[in-house]
Amino acid sequence: MPCLYISTNVNLDAVDIDPVFSDATKAVADIIGKPEHFVMVVLKGSVPISFNGNKEPAAYAEIVSMGGINREVKRELIATIGSILQAKLSIPKTRFFLKVYDTTAGQNVSKL
């Protein structure tokens, strides 16, 4: 079950966040190759964040998945989630950081 956790300093009180959830869920499912009903998205606003010495709109996100992560998937996740945050929350792609973690990395996982 992939989980995308997004923290931003943007105040979300007056923002329609439903499109963020739906777009992010679809993107994560499509890119990682998991069904949408397995994807969890957490979005937290008004988090104190300083990036490059200022508090202009920025975001930090983490995605954790059990498999499905490789170098190309990481690149696509960064680009796509960055585009969603820019379009929906006006957070420039240059002020977004995504940490990607595969819980099975380095493990010899066999499929049943």
N, C-alpha and C. Protein backbone atom coordinates (compact mmCIF):
# COMPACT_ATOMS: atom_id res chain seq x y z
N MET A 1 0.84 -1.17 0.00
CA MET A 1 0.00 0.00 0.00
C MET A 1 0.89 1.23 0.00
N PRO A 2 1.00 1.95 -1.12
CA PRO A 2 1.79 3.18 -1.14
C PRO A 2 1.10 4.28 -0.31
N CYS A 3 1.92 5.04 0.40
CA CYS A 3 1.40 6.18 1.16
C CYS A 3 2.20 7.42 0.78
N LEU A 4 1.49 8.45 0.36
CA LEU A 4 2.09 9.73 0.03
C LEU A 4 1.70 10.72 1.12
N TYR A 5 2.68 11.25 1.82
CA TYR A 5 2.45 12.20 2.91
C TYR A 5 3.03 13.54 2.48
N ILE A 6 2.17 14.55 2.34
CA ILE A 6 2.59 15.87 1.88
C ILE A 6 2.40 16.89 3.00
N SER A 7 3.46 17.62 3.30
CA SER A 7 3.40 18.74 4.24
C SER A 7 3.72 20.00 3.46
N THR A 8 2.93 21.05 3.70
CA THR A 8 3.16 22.32 3.02
C THR A 8 2.91 23.48 3.98
N ASN A 9 3.55 24.60 3.70
CA ASN A 9 3.31 25.80 4.50
C ASN A 9 2.12 26.60 3.97
N VAL A 10 1.48 26.12 2.90
CA VAL A 10 0.30 26.78 2.34
C VAL A 10 -0.90 26.52 3.26
N ASN A 11 -1.66 27.57 3.54
CA ASN A 11 -2.88 27.44 4.31
C ASN A 11 -3.95 26.84 3.40
N LEU A 12 -4.48 25.69 3.78
CA LEU A 12 -5.43 24.97 2.93
C LEU A 12 -6.89 25.22 3.30
N ASP A 13 -7.14 26.09 4.27
CA ASP A 13 -8.51 26.32 4.74
C ASP A 13 -9.47 26.73 3.63
N ALA A 14 -9.04 27.58 2.71
CA ALA A 14 -9.93 28.07 1.65
C ALA A 14 -9.66 27.39 0.31
N VAL A 15 -8.95 26.27 0.34
CA VAL A 15 -8.57 25.58 -0.88
C VAL A 15 -9.39 24.30 -1.04
N ASP A 16 -9.87 24.04 -2.25
CA ASP A 16 -10.54 22.77 -2.55
C ASP A 16 -9.44 21.72 -2.71
N ILE A 17 -9.27 20.88 -1.69
CA ILE A 17 -8.19 19.90 -1.72
C ILE A 17 -8.59 18.57 -2.35
N ASP A 18 -9.87 18.39 -2.65
CA ASP A 18 -10.29 17.13 -3.26
C ASP A 18 -9.54 16.82 -4.56
N PRO A 19 -9.33 17.81 -5.45
CA PRO A 19 -8.56 17.51 -6.66
C PRO A 19 -7.11 17.09 -6.38
N VAL A 20 -6.53 17.61 -5.30
CA VAL A 20 -5.17 17.20 -4.93
C VAL A 20 -5.18 15.72 -4.58
N PHE A 21 -6.15 15.32 -3.74
CA PHE A 21 -6.25 13.91 -3.36
C PHE A 21 -6.48 13.01 -4.56
N SER A 22 -7.43 13.37 -5.42
CA SER A 22 -7.75 12.49 -6.55
C SER A 22 -6.61 12.43 -7.56
N ASP A 23 -6.00 13.57 -7.87
CA ASP A 23 -4.90 13.57 -8.83
C ASP A 23 -3.67 12.83 -8.29
N ALA A 24 -3.36 13.06 -7.03
CA ALA A 24 -2.20 12.40 -6.42
C ALA A 24 -2.42 10.89 -6.31
N THR A 25 -3.64 10.49 -5.93
CA THR A 25 -3.94 9.06 -5.83
C THR A 25 -3.78 8.38 -7.18
N LYS A 26 -4.35 8.97 -8.20
CA LYS A 26 -4.26 8.39 -9.54
C LYS A 26 -2.82 8.34 -10.02
N ALA A 27 -2.07 9.42 -9.80
CA ALA A 27 -0.68 9.47 -10.25
C ALA A 27 0.17 8.40 -9.57
N VAL A 28 0.06 8.29 -8.26
CA VAL A 28 0.85 7.29 -7.53
C VAL A 28 0.49 5.88 -7.99
N ALA A 29 -0.80 5.60 -8.12
CA ALA A 29 -1.24 4.27 -8.56
C ALA A 29 -0.70 3.96 -9.96
N ASP A 30 -0.86 4.90 -10.87
CA ASP A 30 -0.42 4.67 -12.25
C ASP A 30 1.10 4.49 -12.35
N ILE A 31 1.84 5.34 -11.66
CA ILE A 31 3.30 5.33 -11.77
C ILE A 31 3.91 4.11 -11.09
N ILE A 32 3.43 3.77 -9.89
CA ILE A 32 3.99 2.64 -9.16
C ILE A 32 3.40 1.31 -9.63
N GLY A 33 2.20 1.37 -10.21
CA GLY A 33 1.59 0.14 -10.71
C GLY A 33 0.78 -0.59 -9.66
N LYS A 34 0.18 0.16 -8.76
CA LYS A 34 -0.69 -0.42 -7.72
C LYS A 34 -2.11 0.07 -7.95
N PRO A 35 -3.12 -0.67 -7.52
CA PRO A 35 -4.51 -0.20 -7.65
C PRO A 35 -4.74 1.06 -6.81
N GLU A 36 -5.59 1.95 -7.32
CA GLU A 36 -5.89 3.20 -6.60
C GLU A 36 -6.43 2.94 -5.20
N HIS A 37 -7.19 1.86 -5.02
CA HIS A 37 -7.78 1.63 -3.70
C HIS A 37 -6.74 1.20 -2.66
N PHE A 38 -5.50 1.01 -3.07
CA PHE A 38 -4.42 0.72 -2.13
C PHE A 38 -3.60 1.95 -1.77
N VAL A 39 -3.85 3.07 -2.43
CA VAL A 39 -3.03 4.27 -2.25
C VAL A 39 -3.62 5.17 -1.16
N MET A 40 -2.77 5.60 -0.24
CA MET A 40 -3.17 6.54 0.81
C MET A 40 -2.45 7.86 0.56
N VAL A 41 -3.19 8.96 0.67
CA VAL A 41 -2.61 10.29 0.54
C VAL A 41 -2.97 11.10 1.78
N VAL A 42 -1.95 11.67 2.40
CA VAL A 42 -2.13 12.53 3.58
C VAL A 42 -1.64 13.92 3.17
N LEU A 43 -2.45 14.94 3.43
CA LEU A 43 -2.09 16.31 3.08
C LEU A 43 -2.25 17.20 4.30
N LYS A 44 -1.15 17.81 4.72
CA LYS A 44 -1.17 18.66 5.90
C LYS A 44 -0.70 20.05 5.51
N GLY A 45 -1.53 21.06 5.78
CA GLY A 45 -1.20 22.44 5.45
C GLY A 45 -0.81 23.25 6.67
N SER A 46 -0.38 24.47 6.42
CA SER A 46 0.03 25.42 7.46
C SER A 46 1.16 24.89 8.33
N VAL A 47 2.05 24.10 7.75
CA VAL A 47 3.21 23.57 8.45
C VAL A 47 4.34 24.58 8.30
N PRO A 48 4.97 24.99 9.39
CA PRO A 48 6.08 25.94 9.27
C PRO A 48 7.22 25.31 8.45
N ILE A 49 7.48 25.88 7.27
CA ILE A 49 8.56 25.40 6.40
C ILE A 49 9.34 26.60 5.91
N SER A 50 10.65 26.52 6.05
CA SER A 50 11.55 27.50 5.45
C SER A 50 12.38 26.77 4.41
N PHE A 51 12.42 27.32 3.22
CA PHE A 51 13.19 26.72 2.13
C PHE A 51 13.98 27.83 1.46
N ASN A 52 15.26 27.64 1.31
CA ASN A 52 16.13 28.66 0.73
C ASN A 52 16.10 29.96 1.53
N GLY A 53 15.91 29.82 2.83
CA GLY A 53 15.94 30.98 3.71
C GLY A 53 14.69 31.83 3.74
N ASN A 54 13.60 31.35 3.11
CA ASN A 54 12.36 32.13 3.16
C ASN A 54 11.16 31.20 3.34
N LYS A 55 10.02 31.79 3.58
CA LYS A 55 8.81 31.01 3.87
C LYS A 55 7.77 31.12 2.77
N GLU A 56 8.21 31.34 1.55
CA GLU A 56 7.30 31.33 0.40
C GLU A 56 6.75 29.91 0.24
N PRO A 57 5.64 29.73 -0.51
CA PRO A 57 5.03 28.41 -0.63
C PRO A 57 6.05 27.32 -0.99
N ALA A 58 6.02 26.26 -0.19
CA ALA A 58 6.93 25.13 -0.37
C ALA A 58 6.25 23.86 0.14
N ALA A 59 6.82 22.72 -0.21
CA ALA A 59 6.27 21.45 0.27
C ALA A 59 7.37 20.41 0.41
N TYR A 60 7.17 19.55 1.39
CA TYR A 60 8.01 18.37 1.61
C TYR A 60 7.07 17.18 1.59
N ALA A 61 7.44 16.13 0.88
CA ALA A 61 6.60 14.95 0.82
C ALA A 61 7.45 13.69 0.92
N GLU A 62 6.82 12.65 1.42
CA GLU A 62 7.44 11.33 1.47
C GLU A 62 6.48 10.34 0.85
N ILE A 63 7.01 9.40 0.10
CA ILE A 63 6.19 8.31 -0.39
C ILE A 63 6.87 7.01 0.01
N VAL A 64 6.09 6.15 0.61
CA VAL A 64 6.57 4.84 1.05
C VAL A 64 5.76 3.80 0.31
N SER A 65 6.45 2.82 -0.25
CA SER A 65 5.77 1.77 -0.99
C SER A 65 6.44 0.42 -0.75
N MET A 66 5.66 -0.61 -0.80
CA MET A 66 6.19 -1.97 -0.73
C MET A 66 6.40 -2.45 -2.16
N GLY A 67 7.56 -2.13 -2.71
CA GLY A 67 7.88 -2.52 -4.08
C GLY A 67 7.40 -1.49 -5.08
N GLY A 68 7.80 -1.70 -6.33
CA GLY A 68 7.37 -0.84 -7.42
C GLY A 68 8.21 0.40 -7.63
N ILE A 69 9.30 0.55 -6.85
CA ILE A 69 10.12 1.76 -6.94
C ILE A 69 11.46 1.44 -7.61
N ASN A 70 11.79 2.21 -8.61
CA ASN A 70 13.11 2.17 -9.23
C ASN A 70 13.49 3.59 -9.62
N ARG A 71 14.63 3.76 -10.24
CA ARG A 71 15.11 5.11 -10.57
C ARG A 71 14.12 5.87 -11.46
N GLU A 72 13.59 5.22 -12.49
CA GLU A 72 12.66 5.88 -13.40
C GLU A 72 11.35 6.23 -12.68
N VAL A 73 10.85 5.34 -11.83
CA VAL A 73 9.63 5.61 -11.07
C VAL A 73 9.84 6.81 -10.16
N LYS A 74 11.01 6.89 -9.51
CA LYS A 74 11.31 8.05 -8.65
C LYS A 74 11.25 9.34 -9.44
N ARG A 75 11.88 9.36 -10.59
CA ARG A 75 11.88 10.57 -11.42
C ARG A 75 10.47 10.97 -11.82
N GLU A 76 9.68 9.98 -12.21
CA GLU A 76 8.31 10.27 -12.65
C GLU A 76 7.44 10.75 -11.48
N LEU A 77 7.63 10.15 -10.30
CA LEU A 77 6.88 10.60 -9.12
C LEU A 77 7.22 12.04 -8.78
N ILE A 78 8.50 12.38 -8.78
CA ILE A 78 8.92 13.74 -8.45
C ILE A 78 8.31 14.74 -9.43
N ALA A 79 8.40 14.44 -10.72
CA ALA A 79 7.88 15.35 -11.74
C ALA A 79 6.36 15.48 -11.65
N THR A 80 5.67 14.37 -11.50
CA THR A 80 4.21 14.38 -11.52
C THR A 80 3.62 15.00 -10.26
N ILE A 81 4.11 14.61 -9.09
CA ILE A 81 3.61 15.19 -7.84
C ILE A 81 3.95 16.68 -7.80
N GLY A 82 5.14 17.04 -8.27
CA GLY A 82 5.51 18.45 -8.34
C GLY A 82 4.56 19.24 -9.23
N SER A 83 4.16 18.66 -10.36
CA SER A 83 3.22 19.34 -11.26
C SER A 83 1.84 19.49 -10.62
N ILE A 84 1.40 18.49 -9.88
CA ILE A 84 0.11 18.56 -9.20
C ILE A 84 0.13 19.67 -8.15
N LEU A 85 1.19 19.73 -7.36
CA LEU A 85 1.27 20.76 -6.32
C LEU A 85 1.38 22.16 -6.92
N GLN A 86 2.05 22.27 -8.04
CA GLN A 86 2.15 23.57 -8.70
C GLN A 86 0.79 24.00 -9.25
N ALA A 87 0.09 23.07 -9.89
CA ALA A 87 -1.20 23.40 -10.50
C ALA A 87 -2.30 23.64 -9.47
N LYS A 88 -2.33 22.85 -8.42
CA LYS A 88 -3.44 22.90 -7.46
C LYS A 88 -3.18 23.79 -6.26
N LEU A 89 -1.91 23.94 -5.85
CA LEU A 89 -1.60 24.71 -4.64
C LEU A 89 -0.63 25.86 -4.89
N SER A 90 -0.26 26.09 -6.14
CA SER A 90 0.66 27.17 -6.52
C SER A 90 2.02 27.06 -5.83
N ILE A 91 2.49 25.83 -5.66
CA ILE A 91 3.81 25.60 -5.08
C ILE A 91 4.76 25.34 -6.25
N PRO A 92 5.75 26.21 -6.45
CA PRO A 92 6.68 26.00 -7.57
C PRO A 92 7.42 24.66 -7.44
N LYS A 93 7.66 24.03 -8.56
CA LYS A 93 8.38 22.75 -8.56
C LYS A 93 9.76 22.87 -7.92
N THR A 94 10.33 24.05 -7.99
CA THR A 94 11.66 24.28 -7.41
C THR A 94 11.62 24.42 -5.89
N ARG A 95 10.41 24.41 -5.31
CA ARG A 95 10.26 24.53 -3.86
C ARG A 95 9.55 23.29 -3.29
N PHE A 96 9.82 22.17 -3.93
CA PHE A 96 9.20 20.90 -3.56
C PHE A 96 10.28 19.84 -3.46
N PHE A 97 10.24 19.06 -2.37
CA PHE A 97 11.19 17.97 -2.17
C PHE A 97 10.41 16.70 -1.89
N LEU A 98 10.73 15.61 -2.58
CA LEU A 98 10.06 14.33 -2.37
C LEU A 98 11.08 13.28 -1.98
N LYS A 99 10.85 12.64 -0.84
CA LYS A 99 11.65 11.52 -0.38
C LYS A 99 10.90 10.25 -0.77
N VAL A 100 11.56 9.35 -1.47
CA VAL A 100 10.93 8.11 -1.94
C VAL A 100 11.59 6.94 -1.23
N TYR A 101 10.77 6.08 -0.65
CA TYR A 101 11.30 4.95 0.12
C TYR A 101 10.55 3.68 -0.25
N ASP A 102 11.29 2.66 -0.64
CA ASP A 102 10.74 1.34 -0.94
C ASP A 102 11.08 0.42 0.23
N THR A 103 10.06 -0.06 0.91
CA THR A 103 10.29 -0.90 2.10
C THR A 103 10.93 -2.23 1.76
N THR A 104 10.90 -2.63 0.49
CA THR A 104 11.49 -3.91 0.11
C THR A 104 12.87 -3.75 -0.50
N ALA A 105 13.38 -2.54 -0.60
CA ALA A 105 14.70 -2.30 -1.21
C ALA A 105 15.78 -3.06 -0.46
N GLY A 106 16.59 -3.75 -1.21
CA GLY A 106 17.68 -4.51 -0.60
C GLY A 106 17.28 -5.85 -0.04
N GLN A 107 16.01 -6.16 -0.10
CA GLN A 107 15.54 -7.45 0.41
C GLN A 107 15.34 -8.40 -0.74
N ASN A 108 15.53 -9.66 -0.48
CA ASN A 108 15.26 -10.68 -1.48
C ASN A 108 13.81 -11.10 -1.29
N VAL A 109 12.91 -10.48 -2.03
CA VAL A 109 11.49 -10.72 -1.87
C VAL A 109 11.03 -11.68 -2.96
N SER A 110 10.45 -12.79 -2.54
CA SER A 110 9.93 -13.73 -3.52
C SER A 110 8.41 -13.58 -3.60
N LYS A 111 7.90 -13.79 -4.80
CA LYS A 111 6.46 -13.69 -5.00
C LYS A 111 5.82 -15.04 -4.79
N LEU A 112 4.70 -15.04 -4.11
CA LEU A 112 4.00 -16.30 -3.86
C LEU A 112 3.15 -16.68 -5.03
